[in-house]
Amino acid sequence: MSVLQQKLAWRYATKKMNPNKSVPQDKVERILEAARLAPTSSGLQPYEIIMVSSASVREQIKPIAFNQSQITDCSHLLVFAAWDTYTAERINMMFDLTNAQRGGTNEGWENYRQMLLASYPARNAQTNFEHAARQAYIGLGAALIAAAFEEVDSTPMEGFDPSALDQLLKLDQRGLRSVAIMPLGYRDEDADWLVHLKKVRRPRAQFVTEVI
């Protein structure tokens, strides 16, 4: 078993975190960087991460998340927020950034830009948001794996009121909508009923189908 597989076997969706243990900032930064480097459709990165380390703000978020204790017991709460729609400005921003970083452009790349500009903004906002949200989940997955590699506990969570969270963090004013949250912290081994339970996953034969 590889080191990464060992770390993934170690991780679980932590239900009770130790409020007295804080995740070192360098580990948090590496987890965030993993999400930043995650792939997205057309490289548009149509989501952002809001990192909430403020204890008082997490206290306000807790009732929005059905009073789940991880919200306040964690040391950092990551909020994955997708673009509410695709606009020409947002698409051009990413293409211009790419051109600046790569020191130029080419006809095929610019044709691809025009294709996206002609198709994405014309779709309805909900369709665009759902597409952007799927990209955010790719970043969430990368962050979960990176947290496991750092031996930092985490929990992917959809159990919250997105509209209320968007209002609290003023995400709607920035054209963002929350899709998932991820507490980072350390497990409380004496209080978490899940900590010593065997990890259960379907065997490979029931999970992977090979087409040869």
N, C-alpha and C. Protein backbone atom coordinates (compact mmCIF):
# COMPACT_ATOMS: atom_id res chain seq x y z
N MET A 1 0.85 -1.20 0.00
CA MET A 1 0.00 0.00 0.00
C MET A 1 0.88 1.25 0.00
N SER A 2 0.58 2.17 -0.89
CA SER A 2 1.36 3.40 -0.98
C SER A 2 1.10 4.29 0.23
N VAL A 3 1.97 5.29 0.40
CA VAL A 3 1.79 6.25 1.50
C VAL A 3 0.45 6.97 1.35
N LEU A 4 0.12 7.38 0.13
CA LEU A 4 -1.14 8.07 -0.10
C LEU A 4 -2.33 7.18 0.25
N GLN A 5 -2.28 5.92 -0.14
CA GLN A 5 -3.36 5.00 0.19
C GLN A 5 -3.49 4.81 1.70
N GLN A 6 -2.35 4.77 2.39
CA GLN A 6 -2.39 4.66 3.85
C GLN A 6 -3.08 5.88 4.47
N LYS A 7 -2.78 7.05 3.94
CA LYS A 7 -3.39 8.27 4.47
C LYS A 7 -4.90 8.28 4.19
N LEU A 8 -5.30 7.81 3.01
CA LEU A 8 -6.72 7.78 2.67
C LEU A 8 -7.46 6.75 3.51
N ALA A 9 -6.79 5.66 3.84
CA ALA A 9 -7.40 4.67 4.73
C ALA A 9 -7.55 5.22 6.14
N TRP A 10 -6.63 6.10 6.52
CA TRP A 10 -6.64 6.71 7.86
C TRP A 10 -7.77 7.72 8.01
N ARG A 11 -8.07 8.48 6.96
CA ARG A 11 -9.04 9.56 7.06
C ARG A 11 -10.47 9.03 7.16
N TYR A 12 -11.31 9.84 7.76
CA TYR A 12 -12.74 9.57 7.80
C TYR A 12 -13.44 10.90 8.00
N ALA A 13 -14.74 10.93 7.82
CA ALA A 13 -15.50 12.17 8.00
C ALA A 13 -15.65 12.42 9.49
N THR A 14 -14.74 13.20 10.04
CA THR A 14 -14.66 13.42 11.47
C THR A 14 -15.90 14.12 12.01
N LYS A 15 -16.52 13.50 13.01
CA LYS A 15 -17.74 14.04 13.59
C LYS A 15 -17.49 14.92 14.81
N LYS A 16 -16.41 14.63 15.53
CA LYS A 16 -16.10 15.40 16.73
C LYS A 16 -14.63 15.79 16.70
N MET A 17 -14.38 17.10 16.66
CA MET A 17 -13.01 17.60 16.62
C MET A 17 -12.62 18.17 17.96
N ASN A 18 -11.33 18.20 18.19
CA ASN A 18 -10.77 18.74 19.43
C ASN A 18 -10.63 20.25 19.29
N PRO A 19 -11.44 21.02 20.01
CA PRO A 19 -11.40 22.48 19.86
C PRO A 19 -10.11 23.12 20.38
N ASN A 20 -9.30 22.34 21.08
CA ASN A 20 -8.07 22.88 21.66
C ASN A 20 -6.85 22.68 20.76
N LYS A 21 -7.05 22.03 19.61
CA LYS A 21 -5.94 21.79 18.70
C LYS A 21 -6.18 22.56 17.40
N SER A 22 -5.18 23.31 17.00
CA SER A 22 -5.29 24.13 15.79
C SER A 22 -4.38 23.57 14.70
N VAL A 23 -4.84 23.62 13.46
CA VAL A 23 -4.03 23.15 12.34
C VAL A 23 -2.98 24.19 12.01
N PRO A 24 -1.70 23.80 11.95
CA PRO A 24 -0.64 24.76 11.60
C PRO A 24 -0.92 25.42 10.25
N GLN A 25 -0.58 26.67 10.14
CA GLN A 25 -0.91 27.43 8.93
C GLN A 25 -0.24 26.86 7.69
N ASP A 26 0.96 26.32 7.83
CA ASP A 26 1.63 25.78 6.64
C ASP A 26 0.87 24.58 6.08
N LYS A 27 0.26 23.78 6.94
CA LYS A 27 -0.56 22.66 6.47
C LYS A 27 -1.83 23.17 5.78
N VAL A 28 -2.44 24.19 6.36
CA VAL A 28 -3.64 24.78 5.76
C VAL A 28 -3.31 25.31 4.37
N GLU A 29 -2.17 25.97 4.23
CA GLU A 29 -1.79 26.54 2.94
C GLU A 29 -1.57 25.45 1.90
N ARG A 30 -1.00 24.32 2.30
CA ARG A 30 -0.78 23.24 1.34
C ARG A 30 -2.12 22.61 0.91
N ILE A 31 -3.06 22.55 1.83
CA ILE A 31 -4.40 22.04 1.49
C ILE A 31 -5.09 22.99 0.52
N LEU A 32 -5.01 24.28 0.78
CA LEU A 32 -5.58 25.26 -0.12
C LEU A 32 -4.92 25.23 -1.50
N GLU A 33 -3.62 25.03 -1.51
CA GLU A 33 -2.90 24.98 -2.78
C GLU A 33 -3.31 23.78 -3.61
N ALA A 34 -3.58 22.66 -2.95
CA ALA A 34 -4.06 21.47 -3.67
C ALA A 34 -5.37 21.76 -4.36
N ALA A 35 -6.26 22.48 -3.68
CA ALA A 35 -7.54 22.85 -4.30
C ALA A 35 -7.32 23.83 -5.44
N ARG A 36 -6.40 24.76 -5.26
CA ARG A 36 -6.12 25.76 -6.31
C ARG A 36 -5.57 25.10 -7.57
N LEU A 37 -4.79 24.05 -7.39
CA LEU A 37 -4.18 23.37 -8.52
C LEU A 37 -5.08 22.30 -9.14
N ALA A 38 -6.25 22.08 -8.56
CA ALA A 38 -7.16 21.05 -9.07
C ALA A 38 -7.64 21.42 -10.47
N PRO A 39 -7.93 20.41 -11.30
CA PRO A 39 -8.43 20.69 -12.65
C PRO A 39 -9.85 21.22 -12.63
N THR A 40 -10.17 22.04 -13.62
CA THR A 40 -11.54 22.52 -13.82
C THR A 40 -11.83 22.57 -15.31
N SER A 41 -13.08 22.52 -15.66
CA SER A 41 -13.49 22.53 -17.06
C SER A 41 -12.99 23.79 -17.76
N SER A 42 -12.26 23.61 -18.86
CA SER A 42 -11.69 24.71 -19.65
C SER A 42 -10.73 25.58 -18.85
N GLY A 43 -10.32 25.10 -17.68
CA GLY A 43 -9.38 25.85 -16.86
C GLY A 43 -9.95 27.15 -16.32
N LEU A 44 -11.27 27.24 -16.19
CA LEU A 44 -11.89 28.51 -15.80
C LEU A 44 -11.88 28.75 -14.29
N GLN A 45 -11.64 27.73 -13.49
CA GLN A 45 -11.65 27.87 -12.03
C GLN A 45 -12.87 28.67 -11.57
N PRO A 46 -14.09 28.18 -11.84
CA PRO A 46 -15.28 28.98 -11.57
C PRO A 46 -15.78 28.89 -10.12
N TYR A 47 -14.88 28.93 -9.20
CA TYR A 47 -15.25 28.92 -7.78
C TYR A 47 -14.14 29.55 -6.96
N GLU A 48 -14.46 29.88 -5.73
CA GLU A 48 -13.48 30.42 -4.80
C GLU A 48 -13.63 29.69 -3.46
N ILE A 49 -12.60 29.82 -2.63
CA ILE A 49 -12.64 29.24 -1.29
C ILE A 49 -12.56 30.38 -0.29
N ILE A 50 -13.50 30.40 0.62
CA ILE A 50 -13.49 31.37 1.71
C ILE A 50 -13.04 30.62 2.95
N MET A 51 -11.91 31.01 3.52
CA MET A 51 -11.37 30.34 4.70
C MET A 51 -11.79 31.13 5.94
N VAL A 52 -12.56 30.50 6.79
CA VAL A 52 -13.07 31.16 8.00
C VAL A 52 -12.32 30.62 9.21
N SER A 53 -11.38 31.40 9.72
CA SER A 53 -10.68 31.03 10.94
C SER A 53 -11.25 31.76 12.16
N SER A 54 -12.01 32.81 11.92
CA SER A 54 -12.61 33.59 13.01
C SER A 54 -13.58 32.74 13.82
N ALA A 55 -13.32 32.63 15.11
CA ALA A 55 -14.20 31.84 15.99
C ALA A 55 -15.60 32.45 16.06
N SER A 56 -15.68 33.77 16.07
CA SER A 56 -16.98 34.42 16.19
C SER A 56 -17.82 34.21 14.94
N VAL A 57 -17.19 34.24 13.79
CA VAL A 57 -17.94 34.01 12.54
C VAL A 57 -18.38 32.55 12.47
N ARG A 58 -17.54 31.64 12.89
CA ARG A 58 -17.92 30.23 12.89
C ARG A 58 -19.07 29.97 13.86
N GLU A 59 -19.12 30.73 14.94
CA GLU A 59 -20.27 30.64 15.85
C GLU A 59 -21.56 31.05 15.16
N GLN A 60 -21.48 32.05 14.29
CA GLN A 60 -22.65 32.49 13.54
C GLN A 60 -23.04 31.47 12.47
N ILE A 61 -22.05 30.77 11.96
CA ILE A 61 -22.32 29.77 10.92
C ILE A 61 -22.93 28.51 11.51
N LYS A 62 -22.59 28.19 12.75
CA LYS A 62 -23.02 26.92 13.35
C LYS A 62 -24.53 26.69 13.26
N PRO A 63 -25.41 27.63 13.64
CA PRO A 63 -26.85 27.37 13.50
C PRO A 63 -27.29 27.24 12.05
N ILE A 64 -26.57 27.88 11.14
CA ILE A 64 -26.86 27.75 9.72
C ILE A 64 -26.56 26.33 9.25
N ALA A 65 -25.62 25.67 9.94
CA ALA A 65 -25.21 24.30 9.61
C ALA A 65 -25.79 23.30 10.61
N PHE A 66 -27.02 23.56 11.04
CA PHE A 66 -27.76 22.62 11.90
C PHE A 66 -27.01 22.27 13.18
N ASN A 67 -26.25 23.25 13.68
CA ASN A 67 -25.55 23.14 14.97
C ASN A 67 -24.55 21.98 15.02
N GLN A 68 -23.99 21.63 13.89
CA GLN A 68 -22.97 20.58 13.87
C GLN A 68 -21.70 21.10 14.54
N SER A 69 -21.17 20.32 15.46
CA SER A 69 -20.09 20.81 16.32
C SER A 69 -18.79 21.06 15.59
N GLN A 70 -18.58 20.39 14.45
CA GLN A 70 -17.32 20.59 13.72
C GLN A 70 -17.13 22.05 13.33
N ILE A 71 -18.22 22.76 13.12
CA ILE A 71 -18.13 24.15 12.65
C ILE A 71 -17.35 25.02 13.63
N THR A 72 -17.58 24.80 14.92
CA THR A 72 -16.89 25.63 15.93
C THR A 72 -15.70 24.90 16.55
N ASP A 73 -15.67 23.58 16.48
CA ASP A 73 -14.54 22.84 17.06
C ASP A 73 -13.34 22.79 16.13
N CYS A 74 -13.56 23.01 14.84
CA CYS A 74 -12.44 23.01 13.90
C CYS A 74 -11.63 24.30 14.09
N SER A 75 -10.46 24.34 13.48
CA SER A 75 -9.67 25.57 13.57
C SER A 75 -9.83 26.42 12.31
N HIS A 76 -10.19 25.79 11.20
CA HIS A 76 -10.41 26.51 9.95
C HIS A 76 -11.60 25.88 9.23
N LEU A 77 -12.48 26.72 8.73
CA LEU A 77 -13.62 26.24 7.97
C LEU A 77 -13.49 26.75 6.53
N LEU A 78 -13.44 25.81 5.59
CA LEU A 78 -13.34 26.17 4.18
C LEU A 78 -14.72 26.15 3.56
N VAL A 79 -15.08 27.24 2.92
CA VAL A 79 -16.36 27.34 2.21
C VAL A 79 -16.06 27.37 0.72
N PHE A 80 -16.58 26.38 0.00
CA PHE A 80 -16.41 26.31 -1.45
C PHE A 80 -17.61 26.99 -2.09
N ALA A 81 -17.34 28.09 -2.80
CA ALA A 81 -18.41 28.91 -3.37
C ALA A 81 -18.22 29.04 -4.88
N ALA A 82 -19.22 28.61 -5.63
CA ALA A 82 -19.15 28.62 -7.09
C ALA A 82 -19.68 29.93 -7.65
N TRP A 83 -19.22 30.27 -8.86
CA TRP A 83 -19.78 31.41 -9.57
C TRP A 83 -21.28 31.19 -9.74
N ASP A 84 -22.04 32.25 -9.62
CA ASP A 84 -23.49 32.11 -9.81
C ASP A 84 -23.88 31.97 -11.27
N THR A 85 -22.97 32.36 -12.18
CA THR A 85 -23.17 32.15 -13.61
C THR A 85 -21.85 32.42 -14.32
N TYR A 86 -21.81 32.12 -15.61
CA TYR A 86 -20.66 32.47 -16.44
C TYR A 86 -20.97 33.76 -17.19
N THR A 87 -20.03 34.68 -17.18
CA THR A 87 -20.18 35.93 -17.92
C THR A 87 -18.98 36.09 -18.85
N ALA A 88 -19.15 36.95 -19.83
CA ALA A 88 -18.04 37.24 -20.73
C ALA A 88 -16.84 37.78 -19.96
N GLU A 89 -17.11 38.62 -18.96
CA GLU A 89 -16.03 39.20 -18.16
C GLU A 89 -15.23 38.11 -17.44
N ARG A 90 -15.93 37.15 -16.85
CA ARG A 90 -15.24 36.08 -16.12
C ARG A 90 -14.46 35.17 -17.06
N ILE A 91 -15.03 34.84 -18.19
CA ILE A 91 -14.34 33.98 -19.16
C ILE A 91 -13.10 34.69 -19.69
N ASN A 92 -13.26 35.96 -20.07
CA ASN A 92 -12.12 36.72 -20.59
C ASN A 92 -11.04 36.90 -19.54
N MET A 93 -11.43 37.06 -18.29
CA MET A 93 -10.45 37.21 -17.21
C MET A 93 -9.51 36.01 -17.16
N MET A 94 -10.07 34.80 -17.25
CA MET A 94 -9.22 33.60 -17.17
C MET A 94 -8.39 33.41 -18.43
N PHE A 95 -8.96 33.70 -19.60
CA PHE A 95 -8.18 33.58 -20.83
C PHE A 95 -7.06 34.62 -20.87
N ASP A 96 -7.35 35.85 -20.44
CA ASP A 96 -6.31 36.88 -20.41
C ASP A 96 -5.22 36.54 -19.42
N LEU A 97 -5.60 35.98 -18.27
CA LEU A 97 -4.61 35.56 -17.28
C LEU A 97 -3.70 34.48 -17.86
N THR A 98 -4.30 33.52 -18.54
CA THR A 98 -3.52 32.45 -19.16
C THR A 98 -2.55 33.01 -20.19
N ASN A 99 -3.03 33.91 -21.02
CA ASN A 99 -2.16 34.49 -22.04
C ASN A 99 -1.01 35.26 -21.40
N ALA A 100 -1.29 35.99 -20.33
CA ALA A 100 -0.25 36.75 -19.65
C ALA A 100 0.79 35.84 -19.03
N GLN A 101 0.33 34.75 -18.42
CA GLN A 101 1.25 33.82 -17.76
C GLN A 101 2.08 33.04 -18.77
N ARG A 102 1.48 32.73 -19.92
CA ARG A 102 2.19 31.93 -20.93
C ARG A 102 2.95 32.79 -21.93
N GLY A 103 2.76 34.10 -21.87
CA GLY A 103 3.51 35.00 -22.73
C GLY A 103 3.05 35.04 -24.17
N GLY A 104 1.78 34.78 -24.40
CA GLY A 104 1.27 34.84 -25.77
C GLY A 104 0.01 34.03 -25.94
N THR A 105 -0.43 33.92 -27.18
CA THR A 105 -1.64 33.17 -27.46
C THR A 105 -1.50 32.55 -28.85
N ASN A 106 -2.55 31.86 -29.30
CA ASN A 106 -2.54 31.30 -30.64
C ASN A 106 -3.97 31.24 -31.17
N GLU A 107 -4.11 31.00 -32.43
CA GLU A 107 -5.43 31.06 -33.07
C GLU A 107 -6.39 30.03 -32.49
N GLY A 108 -5.91 28.82 -32.26
CA GLY A 108 -6.79 27.79 -31.72
C GLY A 108 -7.32 28.15 -30.34
N TRP A 109 -6.44 28.69 -29.51
CA TRP A 109 -6.84 29.09 -28.16
C TRP A 109 -7.87 30.21 -28.20
N GLU A 110 -7.65 31.19 -29.09
CA GLU A 110 -8.59 32.31 -29.19
C GLU A 110 -9.92 31.87 -29.81
N ASN A 111 -9.87 30.90 -30.71
CA ASN A 111 -11.11 30.34 -31.24
C ASN A 111 -11.91 29.64 -30.14
N TYR A 112 -11.17 28.97 -29.25
CA TYR A 112 -11.83 28.29 -28.14
C TYR A 112 -12.47 29.31 -27.19
N ARG A 113 -11.80 30.41 -26.96
CA ARG A 113 -12.36 31.49 -26.14
C ARG A 113 -13.68 31.96 -26.75
N GLN A 114 -13.69 32.20 -28.05
CA GLN A 114 -14.90 32.69 -28.70
C GLN A 114 -16.03 31.67 -28.64
N MET A 115 -15.67 30.39 -28.71
CA MET A 115 -16.69 29.35 -28.59
C MET A 115 -17.35 29.38 -27.22
N LEU A 116 -16.55 29.52 -26.16
CA LEU A 116 -17.10 29.61 -24.81
C LEU A 116 -17.93 30.88 -24.65
N LEU A 117 -17.43 31.99 -25.18
CA LEU A 117 -18.16 33.25 -25.07
C LEU A 117 -19.51 33.19 -25.76
N ALA A 118 -19.58 32.42 -26.82
CA ALA A 118 -20.83 32.31 -27.57
C ALA A 118 -21.82 31.36 -26.91
N SER A 119 -21.31 30.42 -26.09
CA SER A 119 -22.21 29.39 -25.56
C SER A 119 -22.52 29.55 -24.07
N TYR A 120 -21.52 29.79 -23.24
CA TYR A 120 -21.75 29.79 -21.79
C TYR A 120 -22.65 30.94 -21.31
N PRO A 121 -22.35 32.19 -21.62
CA PRO A 121 -23.20 33.28 -21.10
C PRO A 121 -24.64 33.20 -21.61
N ALA A 122 -24.86 32.53 -22.72
CA ALA A 122 -26.21 32.44 -23.28
C ALA A 122 -27.08 31.45 -22.53
N ARG A 123 -26.47 30.57 -21.75
CA ARG A 123 -27.26 29.60 -20.99
C ARG A 123 -27.88 30.27 -19.78
N ASN A 124 -28.92 29.61 -19.21
CA ASN A 124 -29.54 30.22 -18.03
C ASN A 124 -28.60 30.11 -16.83
N ALA A 125 -28.78 31.01 -15.88
CA ALA A 125 -27.86 31.14 -14.75
C ALA A 125 -27.80 29.87 -13.90
N GLN A 126 -28.93 29.19 -13.71
CA GLN A 126 -28.94 27.99 -12.88
C GLN A 126 -28.11 26.88 -13.52
N THR A 127 -28.24 26.72 -14.84
CA THR A 127 -27.42 25.72 -15.55
C THR A 127 -25.94 26.03 -15.37
N ASN A 128 -25.59 27.31 -15.50
CA ASN A 128 -24.19 27.70 -15.33
C ASN A 128 -23.71 27.48 -13.91
N PHE A 129 -24.54 27.82 -12.93
CA PHE A 129 -24.15 27.61 -11.53
C PHE A 129 -23.92 26.14 -11.25
N GLU A 130 -24.81 25.28 -11.73
CA GLU A 130 -24.66 23.84 -11.48
C GLU A 130 -23.38 23.31 -12.11
N HIS A 131 -23.02 23.83 -13.27
CA HIS A 131 -21.77 23.42 -13.91
C HIS A 131 -20.58 23.89 -13.07
N ALA A 132 -20.64 25.14 -12.62
CA ALA A 132 -19.55 25.67 -11.78
C ALA A 132 -19.45 24.92 -10.47
N ALA A 133 -20.60 24.55 -9.89
CA ALA A 133 -20.59 23.81 -8.63
C ALA A 133 -19.89 22.47 -8.78
N ARG A 134 -20.08 21.82 -9.92
CA ARG A 134 -19.40 20.53 -10.13
C ARG A 134 -17.89 20.71 -10.16
N GLN A 135 -17.43 21.85 -10.66
CA GLN A 135 -16.00 22.12 -10.65
C GLN A 135 -15.50 22.34 -9.22
N ALA A 136 -16.33 23.01 -8.42
CA ALA A 136 -15.96 23.24 -7.01
C ALA A 136 -15.79 21.92 -6.27
N TYR A 137 -16.60 20.92 -6.62
CA TYR A 137 -16.48 19.63 -5.96
C TYR A 137 -15.18 18.92 -6.32
N ILE A 138 -14.66 19.20 -7.51
CA ILE A 138 -13.34 18.64 -7.84
C ILE A 138 -12.30 19.22 -6.89
N GLY A 139 -12.38 20.53 -6.65
CA GLY A 139 -11.47 21.17 -5.70
C GLY A 139 -11.66 20.66 -4.29
N LEU A 140 -12.91 20.40 -3.90
CA LEU A 140 -13.20 19.84 -2.59
C LEU A 140 -12.52 18.48 -2.44
N GLY A 141 -12.62 17.65 -3.48
CA GLY A 141 -11.98 16.34 -3.43
C GLY A 141 -10.47 16.45 -3.27
N ALA A 142 -9.87 17.38 -4.02
CA ALA A 142 -8.42 17.58 -3.91
C ALA A 142 -8.04 18.03 -2.51
N ALA A 143 -8.85 18.91 -1.92
CA ALA A 143 -8.56 19.39 -0.57
C ALA A 143 -8.69 18.28 0.46
N LEU A 144 -9.69 17.41 0.30
CA LEU A 144 -9.86 16.29 1.22
C LEU A 144 -8.66 15.35 1.17
N ILE A 145 -8.19 15.07 -0.03
CA ILE A 145 -7.03 14.19 -0.18
C ILE A 145 -5.78 14.85 0.40
N ALA A 146 -5.61 16.14 0.13
CA ALA A 146 -4.45 16.85 0.67
C ALA A 146 -4.49 16.89 2.19
N ALA A 147 -5.67 17.09 2.76
CA ALA A 147 -5.79 17.09 4.22
C ALA A 147 -5.38 15.74 4.79
N ALA A 148 -5.83 14.68 4.15
CA ALA A 148 -5.44 13.34 4.61
C ALA A 148 -3.93 13.16 4.54
N PHE A 149 -3.33 13.63 3.47
CA PHE A 149 -1.88 13.51 3.31
C PHE A 149 -1.15 14.26 4.41
N GLU A 150 -1.72 15.39 4.85
CA GLU A 150 -1.13 16.19 5.92
C GLU A 150 -1.50 15.65 7.31
N GLU A 151 -2.30 14.59 7.34
CA GLU A 151 -2.84 14.03 8.59
C GLU A 151 -3.62 15.09 9.37
N VAL A 152 -4.41 15.83 8.61
CA VAL A 152 -5.36 16.80 9.16
C VAL A 152 -6.75 16.22 8.95
N ASP A 153 -7.56 16.25 9.99
CA ASP A 153 -8.92 15.73 9.85
C ASP A 153 -9.82 16.74 9.16
N SER A 154 -10.80 16.21 8.44
CA SER A 154 -11.70 17.07 7.69
C SER A 154 -13.04 16.35 7.51
N THR A 155 -14.03 17.12 7.11
CA THR A 155 -15.36 16.57 6.87
C THR A 155 -16.00 17.32 5.71
N PRO A 156 -16.34 16.64 4.61
CA PRO A 156 -17.09 17.32 3.55
C PRO A 156 -18.55 17.43 3.98
N MET A 157 -19.11 18.64 3.90
CA MET A 157 -20.45 18.86 4.44
C MET A 157 -21.33 19.62 3.47
N GLU A 158 -22.53 19.10 3.27
CA GLU A 158 -23.59 19.81 2.55
C GLU A 158 -24.72 20.19 3.50
N GLY A 159 -24.62 19.80 4.75
CA GLY A 159 -25.68 20.03 5.72
C GLY A 159 -25.67 21.45 6.25
N PHE A 160 -26.10 22.40 5.43
CA PHE A 160 -26.19 23.79 5.85
C PHE A 160 -27.16 24.50 4.91
N ASP A 161 -27.58 25.68 5.30
CA ASP A 161 -28.49 26.49 4.49
C ASP A 161 -27.65 27.42 3.61
N PRO A 162 -27.51 27.08 2.31
CA PRO A 162 -26.64 27.89 1.46
C PRO A 162 -27.05 29.36 1.37
N SER A 163 -28.34 29.62 1.26
CA SER A 163 -28.78 31.01 1.13
C SER A 163 -28.40 31.83 2.37
N ALA A 164 -28.58 31.23 3.55
CA ALA A 164 -28.23 31.94 4.79
C ALA A 164 -26.73 32.15 4.89
N LEU A 165 -25.96 31.15 4.48
CA LEU A 165 -24.50 31.30 4.53
C LEU A 165 -24.04 32.35 3.54
N ASP A 166 -24.64 32.35 2.34
CA ASP A 166 -24.28 33.35 1.34
C ASP A 166 -24.54 34.76 1.86
N GLN A 167 -25.65 34.91 2.56
CA GLN A 167 -25.99 36.23 3.09
C GLN A 167 -25.02 36.63 4.21
N LEU A 168 -24.70 35.69 5.09
CA LEU A 168 -23.80 36.00 6.20
C LEU A 168 -22.42 36.41 5.70
N LEU A 169 -21.89 35.68 4.72
CA LEU A 169 -20.55 35.95 4.21
C LEU A 169 -20.56 36.94 3.04
N LYS A 170 -21.76 37.44 2.70
CA LYS A 170 -21.93 38.41 1.61
C LYS A 170 -21.44 37.84 0.27
N LEU A 171 -21.62 36.54 0.10
CA LEU A 171 -21.19 35.90 -1.14
C LEU A 171 -22.05 36.33 -2.32
N ASP A 172 -23.35 36.54 -2.04
CA ASP A 172 -24.25 36.95 -3.12
C ASP A 172 -23.83 38.28 -3.72
N GLN A 173 -23.21 39.14 -2.93
CA GLN A 173 -22.75 40.43 -3.43
C GLN A 173 -21.53 40.29 -4.35
N ARG A 174 -20.91 39.13 -4.29
CA ARG A 174 -19.73 38.86 -5.11
C ARG A 174 -20.02 37.90 -6.25
N GLY A 175 -21.30 37.59 -6.46
CA GLY A 175 -21.67 36.68 -7.54
C GLY A 175 -21.27 35.25 -7.26
N LEU A 176 -21.29 34.86 -5.96
CA LEU A 176 -20.91 33.51 -5.56
C LEU A 176 -22.06 32.85 -4.81
N ARG A 177 -22.10 31.52 -4.87
CA ARG A 177 -23.07 30.74 -4.11
C ARG A 177 -22.35 29.56 -3.46
N SER A 178 -22.52 29.40 -2.16
CA SER A 178 -21.85 28.30 -1.45
C SER A 178 -22.42 26.96 -1.87
N VAL A 179 -21.53 25.97 -2.00
CA VAL A 179 -21.97 24.63 -2.42
C VAL A 179 -21.55 23.55 -1.43
N ALA A 180 -20.47 23.76 -0.70
CA ALA A 180 -20.00 22.77 0.27
C ALA A 180 -19.09 23.47 1.28
N ILE A 181 -19.01 22.91 2.48
CA ILE A 181 -18.10 23.42 3.49
C ILE A 181 -17.23 22.28 4.02
N MET A 182 -16.06 22.63 4.51
CA MET A 182 -15.09 21.61 4.91
C MET A 182 -14.33 22.09 6.15
N PRO A 183 -14.69 21.62 7.33
CA PRO A 183 -13.92 21.94 8.53
C PRO A 183 -12.56 21.22 8.52
N LEU A 184 -11.55 21.90 9.00
CA LEU A 184 -10.22 21.32 9.19
C LEU A 184 -9.88 21.35 10.67
N GLY A 185 -9.39 20.26 11.18
CA GLY A 185 -9.02 20.21 12.59
C GLY A 185 -8.41 18.88 12.94
N TYR A 186 -8.57 18.49 14.20
CA TYR A 186 -8.03 17.21 14.67
C TYR A 186 -9.10 16.47 15.47
N ARG A 187 -9.20 15.21 15.21
CA ARG A 187 -10.22 14.37 15.83
C ARG A 187 -10.10 14.32 17.35
N ASP A 188 -11.23 14.27 18.00
CA ASP A 188 -11.28 14.03 19.44
C ASP A 188 -11.52 12.54 19.61
N GLU A 189 -10.47 11.80 19.86
CA GLU A 189 -10.55 10.34 19.86
C GLU A 189 -11.41 9.81 21.00
N ASP A 190 -11.60 10.58 22.04
CA ASP A 190 -12.41 10.13 23.17
C ASP A 190 -13.90 10.40 22.97
N ALA A 191 -14.22 11.30 22.06
CA ALA A 191 -15.61 11.72 21.93
C ALA A 191 -16.25 11.38 20.58
N ASP A 192 -15.44 11.01 19.60
CA ASP A 192 -15.98 10.72 18.27
C ASP A 192 -16.29 9.24 18.14
N TRP A 193 -17.56 8.92 17.99
CA TRP A 193 -17.98 7.50 17.93
C TRP A 193 -17.50 6.80 16.66
N LEU A 194 -17.10 7.57 15.65
CA LEU A 194 -16.67 6.96 14.40
C LEU A 194 -15.19 6.59 14.37
N VAL A 195 -14.42 7.16 15.29
CA VAL A 195 -12.97 7.13 15.14
C VAL A 195 -12.39 5.72 15.08
N HIS A 196 -12.95 4.77 15.83
CA HIS A 196 -12.37 3.43 15.86
C HIS A 196 -13.13 2.41 15.01
N LEU A 197 -14.12 2.89 14.26
CA LEU A 197 -14.87 1.97 13.40
C LEU A 197 -14.09 1.67 12.12
N LYS A 198 -14.22 0.45 11.66
CA LYS A 198 -13.55 0.03 10.44
C LYS A 198 -14.09 0.82 9.25
N LYS A 199 -13.19 1.28 8.39
CA LYS A 199 -13.60 1.94 7.15
C LYS A 199 -14.21 0.89 6.23
N VAL A 200 -15.38 1.16 5.73
CA VAL A 200 -16.08 0.19 4.87
C VAL A 200 -16.28 0.79 3.48
N ARG A 201 -15.76 0.11 2.49
CA ARG A 201 -15.96 0.47 1.10
C ARG A 201 -16.24 -0.81 0.31
N ARG A 202 -16.99 -0.69 -0.76
CA ARG A 202 -17.22 -1.86 -1.60
C ARG A 202 -15.90 -2.39 -2.15
N PRO A 203 -15.77 -3.71 -2.30
CA PRO A 203 -14.54 -4.26 -2.87
C PRO A 203 -14.39 -3.84 -4.32
N ARG A 204 -13.16 -3.89 -4.80
CA ARG A 204 -12.86 -3.44 -6.16
C ARG A 204 -13.76 -4.11 -7.20
N ALA A 205 -14.00 -5.39 -7.02
CA ALA A 205 -14.79 -6.13 -8.01
C ALA A 205 -16.21 -5.59 -8.14
N GLN A 206 -16.71 -4.97 -7.07
CA GLN A 206 -18.06 -4.41 -7.10
C GLN A 206 -18.05 -2.91 -7.42
N PHE A 207 -16.87 -2.36 -7.57
CA PHE A 207 -16.75 -0.91 -7.73
C PHE A 207 -16.18 -0.52 -9.10
N VAL A 208 -15.28 -1.36 -9.61
CA VAL A 208 -14.60 -1.04 -10.87
C VAL A 208 -15.03 -2.04 -11.94
N THR A 209 -15.45 -1.52 -13.08
CA THR A 209 -15.76 -2.34 -14.24
C THR A 209 -14.73 -2.06 -15.32
N GLU A 210 -14.05 -3.08 -15.76
CA GLU A 210 -13.04 -2.92 -16.80
C GLU A 210 -13.63 -3.25 -18.16
N VAL A 211 -13.41 -2.35 -19.10
CA VAL A 211 -13.81 -2.58 -20.48
C VAL A 211 -12.54 -2.80 -21.30
N ILE A 212 -12.32 -4.01 -21.73
CA ILE A 212 -11.06 -4.38 -22.41
C ILE A 212 -11.29 -4.54 -23.91
